[in-house]
Structures are given as structure tokens and as C-alpha cells.
Amino acid sequence: MCTKYILGTIDYVDPSDGTVSFRTCNLEKSRLVLQMGTSDADRALAVGKKIQQDISGLDINMGCPKEFSIKGGMGVALLAQPDKACHILKTLVDNLDIPVTCKIRILPSVEDTIELVKKLTSTGIAAIGIHARTRDERPRHNPHPEVIKEVAKHVSIPVICNGGSRDIEKYEDILKFRNLCGASSIMVARAAQMNVSIFRKGGLLPMDDLICKYLKLSVDYDNPPHNTKYGIQSIMREQQETPRGKLFLQSQTMQHMCDIWNMGDYCRQKELELHNKGNMGRRQVVPGQVPDSDILEVAAKKAKTDESVEDDEKDIIEENVAFLRCNYNIKTDHFPKTQLYVFANKNDKLPPTYVTEGKDKLFRSICTFDDKRYRSTFWQKNKKQAEQAAALVCLKNIGLVTTEELIKNGSILR
């Protein structure tokens, strides 16, 4: 965990490559419940203790029917092991300072569902979420609100119904499904992902308005591009098949996405503003260092000034240039390595060579061409991309691509 003072956020980060797994801020703490998939009480407790100061509740997912959850003993797999499920919940309830809840699916039998819910609620959980379908049913199947209604009669804690998104098209539909389930609350997932304004009593907002607001928040809080893209895909749905949708699907950076909705200038200005204030993001990740507001900055500076750098590396021409796969069409464009190879061949020069190093699942490469060596300080996620990045640095320095081109396509942040 680290604190991003510039963004005003609290980040939980993968130390291997700087990926933000979870980002939050004090503004949302009072309404924030984190849902966790787990099959181990001790691990769940360790995570709960680490994160409880930043959330207001912890929910255990016992309803996910996806294969990866089931194989890991998580999600609906726990419904077949009620004693284990209860042990996980009891461990958390007894040792955490925040409310603990869980979410399940109904069982084929109403009676079995009631019995299971009674066992789970006996652990002291604060509420229980119930999805109105069985383990094998999917969104295309009709939900069973009548089962939740019957279960709710037998428990004293709040019951949160779920599973009505297929029939939720406006705010009133939310209340209708909750009433059908006889529940105290309702959880809306897919319908909210498609259009978060589903919660507006005054009606839905246009798709483009939602996307622009979502993009602005994503830029302001430095949200990872892949996560932003996933959210917009949920909003666009069938619109992904339009020319604009297909252009969006090819995008990989925040700048590319923002350009589509005429927000590119805002994105570039904000990213540069955050960078100049010292926001250490993906571009500053170095092996073995978490992108902490203090640690990473020191590490990045040390990487440039360390006196122990071997003499034979001091002549390397380095720049922070990222190779972004989305900038190149495999059918029509030459990738950086190919461009450099073609240039060498036309000018009767020896072809470039590459030496790549890998640390902590990150890679960077040295490109040697015409008796000079080039390297990007941007650590890529695989060997091939590292070589392309090094070639891109070389192309820039020999004048085959311009700084302006690289800034425009997001390879350089400036």
C-alpha cells in the first residue's frame, strides 16, 4: 500500500510492475465495501487487517460461478462447503473492526437455501447478499425473486437481493425488483455498469455524457487505461460495432480514448500536470520498487545517478519512450525494429542488434546500431516490447521519427 499525495488517493500496488490493484480515497470511504474472493480464512484475515482502515465493510464472494473462482475454491465452490464458509466468515467477524457480509446464490431447494443462510448468519455477519439464480444459471435465465422473499422471512439481518439487471431499464425497475424479493436492499451490477445513471430518479443520461464524465474521472485519478477501457466497453455495448466503437477497441492509452471523445487535449494537459507535480506512475516503475510517492522517486533518481554504473554503460543514449502496441497496425505499419532494419539495409549498414535484460517480470533492451547504443528507461512487460522500445529510441535519435509524433501517440509524455 502507498499514499498518492498528489492524487489524494490510497493505492494497493503490485510490486512487480507497478500495477494498481485497488485505488480509493477518503471521499468514498463511508460508502465503500470491498468484495473479496477467498478460500482461506487466514489469508482473508490478513488482507482484511491490511485494508480495513480504508473501507467501511468487507464482503466475501460466495456466488461467483466462473471457472477460475471454482477451481480456486472460491465463489460458489464455498456453497458446497458450508462449514468452511462459516469458518471464513467467523474468523473475519471476530477479528476485524468493520462489518463483514457475504454474497451467495440460491440453491436448487428453497429449504436448503434457508438452512444455508441460517448457518451463515449465525457467524455474526452484518448482512447477506443473495443472487436470485442457482450456480448453473446465467443472466439469460429468469431470476427467482420468490425464493429470496421466502428466505428473507427466516433471517433477522438485512437481506440484499441481486440478479434483476436483465429487467432493470430505469430507476423504478430497481424498486420493483427489490419489492418482488421482499428484501431490505438491492444490489445492482450489470445494469449499473451499462449505465450508472440508472440510479437517477430523473431518468437516464445519454451515453456520450456518461463516457465523458467517466473519462474525466479516470484522467483526474490516473486510472489504469485497461480498467477505463473495460468500463467504457460496458457502457457502449452494441455501439462497439460502429466505426467509432471499432476505433475505441483499438485504443490502449488514456490519450487515445480521450481523443475519440474530443478530450485528448485535456488528457495530455492533466497527465503532464500530474507528472510535473511528481506523480510517479507506470513510466517510472523500476524492478524491485513499488511506485510509492517517496520510494519510487528516490529509486528512479538513483537509477540515473548511481556511481556504480559500469563504465561501458555510460555511453548509452537513454530516453523514456514507451512502445505501445496499439500504435501499430500489423497489416499496414512497420514496427520500430522493422523500420530500423529497413533503414540499415537501404544505407548499407550492419543490422541493429539487441541485448535484453529482465528483472521482476520487467524488461529493457539495448539496441546497438551504427556504433551507438540506445535504451529506453521505460521497463516493458515482455522482451519483444523492450526491443521495440529500444529501436524507437534509436529511430528518434537518428531522425526517422520526431518527438512530436511520439508525444502525439503517447510514447513520450511531455
Protein backbone atom coordinates (compact mmCIF):
# COMPACT_ATOMS: atom_id res chain seq x y z
CA MET A 1 0.00 0.00 0.00
CA CYS A 2 1.13 3.54 -0.66
CA THR A 3 -0.34 7.01 -0.43
CA LYS A 4 -0.53 9.17 -3.55
CA TYR A 5 -0.50 12.64 -2.06
CA ILE A 6 -0.70 14.30 -5.47
CA LEU A 7 -3.88 12.42 -6.38
CA GLY A 8 -5.24 12.31 -2.85
CA THR A 9 -5.60 8.53 -3.11
CA ILE A 10 -4.57 5.38 -1.29
CA ASP A 11 -3.19 2.73 -3.64
CA TYR A 12 -2.64 -1.01 -3.30
CA VAL A 13 0.04 -1.87 -5.83
CA ASP A 14 1.54 -4.96 -7.45
CA PRO A 15 5.25 -4.51 -6.61
CA SER A 16 6.41 -6.44 -9.68
CA ASP A 17 5.24 -3.96 -12.31
CA GLY A 18 3.55 -1.07 -10.53
CA THR A 19 0.02 -2.11 -11.49
CA VAL A 20 -2.57 -0.55 -9.19
CA SER A 21 -4.80 -3.36 -7.94
CA PHE A 22 -7.04 -1.10 -5.87
CA ARG A 23 -7.25 2.67 -5.58
CA THR A 24 -9.52 4.59 -3.22
CA CYS A 25 -9.81 7.96 -1.48
CA ASN A 26 -11.32 9.37 1.69
CA LEU A 27 -14.26 10.80 -0.26
CA GLU A 28 -15.73 7.35 -0.85
CA LYS A 29 -14.68 5.55 2.33
CA SER A 30 -18.05 5.87 4.10
CA ARG A 31 -19.79 4.12 1.18
CA LEU A 32 -17.11 1.65 0.19
CA VAL A 33 -17.47 -2.10 0.65
CA LEU A 34 -14.68 -4.25 -0.77
CA GLN A 35 -15.68 -7.66 -2.12
CA MET A 36 -13.07 -10.39 -1.83
CA GLY A 37 -12.80 -13.85 -3.34
CA THR A 38 -11.11 -16.28 -0.95
CA SER A 39 -10.86 -19.92 0.04
CA ASP A 40 -8.64 -19.42 3.08
CA ALA A 41 -9.66 -17.80 6.36
CA ASP A 42 -6.15 -16.80 7.42
CA ARG A 43 -5.30 -15.16 4.10
CA ALA A 44 -8.64 -13.38 4.07
CA LEU A 45 -7.99 -12.07 7.57
CA ALA A 46 -4.52 -10.85 6.62
CA VAL A 47 -6.00 -8.88 3.72
CA GLY A 48 -8.85 -7.63 5.87
CA LYS A 49 -6.49 -6.27 8.52
CA LYS A 50 -4.34 -4.61 5.88
CA ILE A 51 -7.22 -2.82 4.20
CA GLN A 52 -9.88 -2.26 6.86
CA GLN A 53 -8.77 1.29 7.65
CA ASP A 54 -9.57 2.32 4.07
CA ILE A 55 -13.02 0.75 3.65
CA SER A 56 -16.27 0.61 5.59
CA GLY A 57 -17.13 -3.04 5.02
CA LEU A 58 -15.75 -6.35 3.71
CA ASP A 59 -17.86 -8.73 1.62
CA ILE A 60 -16.93 -12.33 0.84
CA ASN A 61 -17.94 -13.53 -2.61
CA MET A 62 -19.64 -16.91 -2.35
CA GLY A 63 -21.67 -16.53 -5.52
CA CYS A 64 -19.25 -16.23 -8.45
CA PRO A 65 -19.84 -19.21 -10.81
CA LYS A 66 -16.80 -18.55 -13.01
CA GLU A 67 -14.35 -21.41 -13.52
CA PHE A 68 -11.34 -19.54 -12.14
CA SER A 69 -13.20 -18.96 -8.87
CA ILE A 70 -14.44 -22.52 -8.56
CA LYS A 71 -11.00 -24.03 -9.30
CA GLY A 72 -9.54 -21.83 -6.59
CA GLY A 73 -12.14 -23.00 -4.08
CA MET A 74 -13.77 -19.56 -4.08
CA GLY A 75 -17.16 -18.18 -5.11
CA VAL A 76 -19.95 -20.76 -5.41
CA ALA A 77 -17.48 -23.53 -4.52
CA LEU A 78 -17.95 -22.46 -0.89
CA LEU A 79 -21.70 -23.15 -1.04
CA ALA A 80 -20.87 -26.86 -1.14
CA GLN A 81 -18.65 -26.42 1.94
CA PRO A 82 -20.83 -24.53 4.44
CA ASP A 83 -18.57 -25.31 7.40
CA LYS A 84 -15.57 -23.83 5.61
CA ALA A 85 -17.63 -20.83 4.53
CA CYS A 86 -18.74 -20.26 8.11
CA HIS A 87 -15.17 -20.58 9.37
CA ILE A 88 -14.01 -17.86 6.97
CA LEU A 89 -16.83 -15.52 8.00
CA LYS A 90 -16.44 -16.20 11.72
CA THR A 91 -12.69 -15.56 11.54
CA LEU A 92 -13.29 -12.20 9.91
CA VAL A 93 -16.20 -11.16 12.14
CA ASP A 94 -14.23 -11.94 15.31
CA ASN A 95 -11.03 -10.18 14.28
CA LEU A 96 -11.94 -7.16 12.15
CA ASP A 97 -13.21 -3.76 13.23
CA ILE A 98 -15.55 -3.31 10.27
CA PRO A 99 -18.81 -5.05 9.26
CA VAL A 100 -18.44 -8.32 7.37
CA THR A 101 -21.01 -9.57 4.85
CA CYS A 102 -21.21 -12.27 2.20
CA LYS A 103 -22.96 -12.81 -1.10
CA ILE A 104 -24.35 -16.18 -2.19
CA ARG A 105 -26.56 -17.76 -4.84
CA ILE A 106 -29.75 -19.63 -4.13
CA LEU A 107 -29.61 -23.43 -4.00
CA PRO A 108 -31.93 -25.65 -6.09
CA SER A 109 -34.10 -26.19 -3.00
CA VAL A 110 -35.73 -23.34 -1.08
CA GLU A 111 -35.38 -25.32 2.15
CA ASP A 112 -31.67 -25.91 1.58
CA THR A 113 -31.18 -22.23 0.83
CA ILE A 114 -32.89 -21.24 4.08
CA GLU A 115 -30.76 -23.71 6.05
CA LEU A 116 -27.56 -22.42 4.45
CA VAL A 117 -28.45 -18.79 5.11
CA LYS A 118 -29.21 -19.56 8.76
CA LYS A 119 -25.76 -21.14 9.15
CA LEU A 120 -24.02 -18.22 7.52
CA THR A 121 -25.89 -15.59 9.52
CA SER A 122 -25.04 -17.39 12.76
CA THR A 123 -21.41 -16.27 12.29
CA GLY A 124 -22.34 -12.69 13.14
CA ILE A 125 -22.24 -11.17 9.66
CA ALA A 126 -23.96 -7.80 9.32
CA ALA A 127 -25.95 -8.57 6.15
CA ILE A 128 -26.23 -11.16 3.39
CA GLY A 129 -26.49 -10.65 -0.35
CA ILE A 130 -28.44 -13.24 -2.33
CA HIS A 131 -28.33 -13.62 -6.11
CA ALA A 132 -31.66 -14.89 -7.41
CA ARG A 133 -30.18 -17.67 -9.56
CA THR A 134 -28.55 -21.01 -8.89
CA ARG A 135 -24.93 -21.94 -9.53
CA ASP A 136 -25.64 -23.19 -13.05
CA GLU A 137 -27.98 -20.41 -14.14
CA ARG A 138 -26.77 -17.41 -16.10
CA PRO A 139 -28.16 -13.91 -16.83
CA ARG A 140 -30.24 -15.28 -19.73
CA HIS A 141 -32.22 -17.42 -17.27
CA ASN A 142 -35.13 -16.00 -15.32
CA PRO A 143 -34.29 -14.99 -11.73
CA HIS A 144 -36.24 -16.41 -8.78
CA PRO A 145 -37.21 -13.44 -6.58
CA GLU A 146 -39.80 -15.57 -4.80
CA VAL A 147 -37.01 -17.69 -3.29
CA ILE A 148 -35.27 -14.65 -1.82
CA LYS A 149 -38.62 -13.45 -0.48
CA GLU A 150 -39.11 -16.72 1.37
CA VAL A 151 -35.54 -16.74 2.72
CA ALA A 152 -35.88 -13.16 3.97
CA LYS A 153 -38.71 -14.27 6.27
CA HIS A 154 -36.33 -16.53 8.20
CA VAL A 155 -33.43 -14.16 8.97
CA SER A 156 -33.13 -11.13 11.21
CA ILE A 157 -30.28 -9.34 9.39
CA PRO A 158 -30.66 -7.24 6.22
CA VAL A 159 -31.07 -9.22 3.01
CA ILE A 160 -29.63 -7.63 -0.14
CA CYS A 161 -31.23 -9.00 -3.30
CA ASN A 162 -29.35 -9.25 -6.61
CA GLY A 163 -29.88 -10.65 -10.08
CA GLY A 164 -32.50 -8.39 -11.63
CA SER A 165 -30.37 -6.42 -14.08
CA ARG A 166 -31.92 -8.07 -17.14
CA ASP A 167 -35.22 -6.34 -16.39
CA ILE A 168 -33.83 -3.10 -14.95
CA GLU A 169 -34.01 -0.29 -17.50
CA LYS A 170 -34.89 2.64 -15.24
CA TYR A 171 -34.82 3.64 -11.58
CA GLU A 172 -38.36 2.40 -10.90
CA ASP A 173 -37.36 -1.10 -12.03
CA ILE A 174 -34.81 -1.23 -9.21
CA LEU A 175 -37.52 -0.69 -6.61
CA LYS A 176 -39.81 -3.16 -8.36
CA PHE A 177 -37.28 -6.00 -8.17
CA ARG A 178 -36.48 -5.23 -4.53
CA ASN A 179 -40.17 -5.43 -3.67
CA LEU A 180 -40.54 -8.73 -5.54
CA CYS A 181 -37.71 -10.14 -3.42
CA GLY A 182 -39.07 -8.77 -0.13
CA ALA A 183 -35.54 -7.59 0.62
CA SER A 184 -34.35 -4.63 2.66
CA SER A 185 -31.83 -3.59 0.00
CA ILE A 186 -30.86 -4.29 -3.59
CA MET A 187 -27.51 -4.73 -5.31
CA VAL A 188 -27.34 -3.67 -8.98
CA ALA A 189 -24.31 -4.74 -11.01
CA ARG A 190 -24.63 -5.21 -14.78
CA ALA A 191 -27.37 -2.60 -15.24
CA ALA A 192 -25.21 -0.07 -13.39
CA GLN A 193 -22.12 -0.95 -15.43
CA MET A 194 -24.11 -0.36 -18.60
CA ASN A 195 -25.45 2.99 -17.40
CA VAL A 196 -24.60 4.23 -13.92
CA SER A 197 -27.32 6.87 -14.22
CA ILE A 198 -29.79 4.03 -13.66
CA PHE A 199 -29.85 5.34 -10.08
CA ARG A 200 -31.15 8.76 -11.19
CA LYS A 201 -34.79 9.29 -10.35
CA GLY A 202 -34.89 11.87 -13.14
CA GLY A 203 -34.03 9.39 -15.88
CA LEU A 204 -31.01 8.07 -17.78
CA LEU A 205 -28.23 10.27 -19.12
CA PRO A 206 -27.03 9.97 -22.75
CA MET A 207 -24.21 7.51 -23.39
CA ASP A 208 -21.70 10.14 -24.53
CA ASP A 209 -22.34 12.26 -21.42
CA LEU A 210 -21.59 9.26 -19.23
CA ILE A 211 -18.44 8.33 -21.11
CA CYS A 212 -17.07 11.89 -20.98
CA LYS A 213 -17.68 12.12 -17.23
CA TYR A 214 -16.12 8.70 -16.74
CA LEU A 215 -13.08 9.64 -18.81
CA LYS A 216 -12.58 12.86 -16.86
CA LEU A 217 -12.62 10.99 -13.55
CA SER A 218 -10.26 8.38 -14.99
CA VAL A 219 -7.81 11.06 -16.11
CA ASP A 220 -8.06 13.06 -12.88
CA TYR A 221 -7.38 9.97 -10.75
CA ASP A 222 -4.82 8.37 -13.10
CA ASN A 223 -6.97 5.27 -13.55
CA PRO A 224 -5.23 2.42 -15.44
CA PRO A 225 -6.15 2.53 -19.15
CA HIS A 226 -7.18 -1.13 -19.29
CA ASN A 227 -9.63 -0.62 -16.44
CA THR A 228 -11.05 2.53 -18.02
CA LYS A 229 -11.45 0.72 -21.32
CA TYR A 230 -13.33 -2.14 -19.67
CA GLY A 231 -15.75 0.32 -18.09
CA ILE A 232 -16.43 2.12 -21.37
CA GLN A 233 -16.95 -1.17 -23.19
CA SER A 234 -19.72 -1.98 -20.71
CA ILE A 235 -21.33 1.38 -21.43
CA MET A 236 -21.04 1.15 -25.23
CA ARG A 237 -22.30 -2.42 -25.61
CA GLU A 238 -23.52 -2.86 -29.22
CA GLN A 239 -22.08 0.56 -30.12
CA GLN A 240 -18.68 -1.13 -30.16
CA GLU A 241 -19.54 -2.37 -33.65
CA THR A 242 -19.82 1.17 -35.04
CA PRO A 243 -16.81 2.86 -36.72
CA ARG A 244 -16.20 4.88 -33.57
CA GLY A 245 -16.57 1.76 -31.44
CA LYS A 246 -14.01 -0.13 -33.52
CA LEU A 247 -11.62 2.79 -33.25
CA PHE A 248 -12.12 2.72 -29.49
CA LEU A 249 -11.42 -1.02 -29.32
CA GLN A 250 -8.01 -0.39 -30.90
CA SER A 251 -7.08 2.18 -28.25
CA GLN A 252 -4.68 1.31 -25.44
CA THR A 253 -3.83 4.60 -23.77
CA MET A 254 -5.87 7.22 -21.97
CA GLN A 255 -4.90 9.74 -24.63
CA HIS A 256 -6.18 7.54 -27.44
CA MET A 257 -9.50 7.02 -25.68
CA CYS A 258 -9.90 10.69 -24.84
CA ASP A 259 -9.13 11.73 -28.42
CA ILE A 260 -12.21 9.80 -29.59
CA TRP A 261 -14.45 11.94 -27.36
CA ASN A 262 -12.59 15.21 -28.08
CA MET A 263 -10.90 15.19 -24.67
CA GLY A 264 -7.37 14.49 -25.87
CA ASP A 265 -6.00 17.93 -25.06
CA TYR A 266 -7.46 17.78 -21.55
CA CYS A 267 -5.92 14.34 -21.01
CA ARG A 268 -2.46 15.38 -22.20
CA GLN A 269 -2.55 18.56 -20.12
CA LYS A 270 -3.66 16.71 -16.97
CA GLU A 271 -1.17 13.86 -17.37
CA LEU A 272 1.65 16.35 -17.82
CA GLU A 273 0.43 18.38 -14.84
CA LEU A 274 0.41 15.30 -12.60
CA HIS A 275 3.80 14.22 -13.93
CA ASN A 276 5.33 17.64 -13.23
CA LYS A 277 3.93 17.57 -9.70
CA GLY A 278 5.82 14.33 -9.12
CA ASN A 279 3.15 11.72 -9.75
CA MET A 280 5.15 8.53 -10.21
CA GLY A 281 3.23 6.21 -12.45
CA ARG A 282 3.89 3.32 -14.81
CA ARG A 283 6.65 5.20 -16.66
CA GLN A 284 8.80 5.38 -13.54
CA VAL A 285 8.48 1.75 -12.46
CA VAL A 286 11.81 0.02 -11.96
CA PRO A 287 12.33 -3.60 -10.90
CA GLY A 288 12.02 -4.25 -7.19
CA GLN A 289 10.37 -0.93 -6.39
CA VAL A 290 6.75 -0.23 -5.56
CA PRO A 291 5.58 3.08 -7.09
CA ASP A 292 5.42 4.83 -3.76
CA SER A 293 5.36 8.62 -3.75
CA ASP A 294 8.68 8.59 -1.88
CA ILE A 295 10.37 5.26 -2.62
CA LEU A 296 9.92 5.26 -6.38
CA GLU A 297 11.12 8.81 -6.85
CA VAL A 298 14.31 8.01 -4.98
CA ALA A 299 14.74 4.78 -6.92
CA ALA A 300 14.21 6.47 -10.27
CA LYS A 301 16.79 9.13 -9.46
CA LYS A 302 19.20 6.52 -8.18
CA ALA A 303 18.87 4.56 -11.40
CA LYS A 304 20.12 7.61 -13.28
CA THR A 305 22.86 8.77 -10.92
CA ASP A 306 24.22 5.62 -9.32
CA GLU A 307 28.01 5.91 -9.46
CA SER A 308 28.30 2.14 -9.56
CA VAL A 309 27.00 2.05 -13.13
CA GLU A 310 29.59 0.23 -15.20
CA ASP A 311 31.73 2.37 -17.47
CA ASP A 312 30.62 0.52 -20.58
CA GLU A 313 27.02 1.68 -19.99
CA LYS A 314 27.73 5.39 -19.69
CA ASP A 315 27.67 5.92 -23.44
CA ILE A 316 24.15 4.52 -23.81
CA ILE A 317 21.64 7.05 -25.16
CA GLU A 318 18.58 6.77 -22.92
CA GLU A 319 15.11 8.26 -23.14
CA ASN A 320 11.77 7.43 -21.54
CA VAL A 321 9.99 6.18 -24.64
CA ALA A 322 7.24 3.57 -24.35
CA PHE A 323 6.42 1.09 -27.08
CA LEU A 324 2.62 0.98 -27.31
CA ARG A 325 1.37 -1.92 -29.41
CA CYS A 326 -1.87 -0.09 -30.24
CA ASN A 327 0.06 2.48 -32.30
CA TYR A 328 0.87 -0.07 -34.98
CA ASN A 329 -1.37 -1.93 -37.42
CA ILE A 330 0.26 -5.26 -38.15
CA LYS A 331 -1.18 -5.24 -41.69
CA THR A 332 -0.13 -1.73 -42.73
CA ASP A 333 2.58 -0.42 -40.40
CA HIS A 334 6.25 -1.24 -39.93
CA PHE A 335 7.12 -1.77 -36.28
CA PRO A 336 10.14 0.16 -34.93
CA LYS A 337 12.51 -2.80 -35.28
CA THR A 338 11.43 -3.32 -38.88
CA GLN A 339 11.79 0.38 -39.69
CA LEU A 340 15.32 0.38 -38.32
CA TYR A 341 16.25 -2.83 -40.14
CA VAL A 342 14.95 -1.48 -43.46
CA PHE A 343 16.86 1.77 -42.94
CA ALA A 344 20.07 -0.14 -42.23
CA ASN A 345 19.63 -2.29 -45.33
CA LYS A 346 18.98 0.68 -47.62
CA ASN A 347 22.03 2.51 -46.32
CA ASP A 348 24.43 -0.46 -46.42
CA LYS A 349 24.85 -0.52 -42.65
CA LEU A 350 25.06 -3.51 -40.35
CA PRO A 351 21.65 -4.54 -38.98
CA PRO A 352 20.88 -3.50 -35.40
CA THR A 353 21.45 -5.96 -32.56
CA TYR A 354 19.66 -6.23 -29.24
CA VAL A 355 20.66 -7.32 -25.74
CA THR A 356 17.78 -7.61 -23.29
CA GLU A 357 17.74 -7.88 -19.51
CA GLY A 358 14.81 -8.98 -17.40
CA LYS A 359 14.13 -8.32 -13.72
CA ASP A 360 10.98 -8.97 -11.69
CA LYS A 361 8.93 -9.68 -14.84
CA LEU A 362 10.01 -6.39 -16.43
CA PHE A 363 12.32 -5.98 -19.42
CA ARG A 364 14.50 -3.39 -21.12
CA SER A 365 16.80 -3.75 -24.09
CA ILE A 366 19.90 -2.12 -25.55
CA CYS A 367 19.80 -1.54 -29.29
CA THR A 368 23.23 -1.27 -30.94
CA PHE A 369 23.24 0.44 -34.32
CA ASP A 370 25.94 2.24 -36.28
CA ASP A 371 28.38 2.01 -33.34
CA LYS A 372 25.94 3.65 -30.91
CA ARG A 373 23.75 2.15 -28.22
CA TYR A 374 20.19 3.11 -27.34
CA ARG A 375 17.88 2.15 -24.48
CA SER A 376 14.51 3.20 -23.14
CA THR A 377 14.17 3.82 -19.41
CA PHE A 378 10.60 2.53 -19.70
CA TRP A 379 10.57 -1.07 -18.49
CA GLN A 380 8.26 -3.10 -20.73
CA LYS A 381 6.31 -6.22 -19.77
CA ASN A 382 8.00 -8.57 -22.24
CA LYS A 383 11.23 -8.99 -24.21
CA LYS A 384 9.76 -8.22 -27.62
CA GLN A 385 8.28 -4.92 -26.49
CA ALA A 386 11.56 -3.97 -24.79
CA GLU A 387 13.40 -4.42 -28.10
CA GLN A 388 10.79 -2.35 -29.92
CA ALA A 389 11.15 0.43 -27.33
CA ALA A 390 14.93 0.47 -27.74
CA ALA A 391 14.52 0.63 -31.52
CA LEU A 392 12.12 3.53 -31.08
CA VAL A 393 14.72 5.47 -29.08
CA CYS A 394 17.20 4.84 -31.89
CA LEU A 395 14.73 5.93 -34.59
CA LYS A 396 14.09 9.17 -32.72
CA ASN A 397 17.77 9.97 -32.34
CA ILE A 398 18.65 9.32 -35.97
CA GLY A 399 15.71 11.41 -37.15
CA LEU A 400 13.36 8.76 -38.56
CA VAL A 401 10.59 9.66 -36.10
CA THR A 402 10.03 13.01 -34.44
CA THR A 403 9.48 13.94 -30.83
CA GLU A 404 6.16 15.48 -31.84
CA GLU A 405 4.97 12.19 -33.35
CA LEU A 406 5.90 10.28 -30.20
CA ILE A 407 4.19 12.81 -27.96
CA LYS A 408 1.04 12.66 -30.08
CA ASN A 409 0.78 8.86 -29.95
CA GLY A 410 1.56 8.68 -26.24
CA SER A 411 5.02 7.09 -26.48
CA ILE A 412 6.51 10.17 -24.83
CA LEU A 413 4.82 12.12 -22.05
CA ARG A 414 5.59 15.81 -22.39
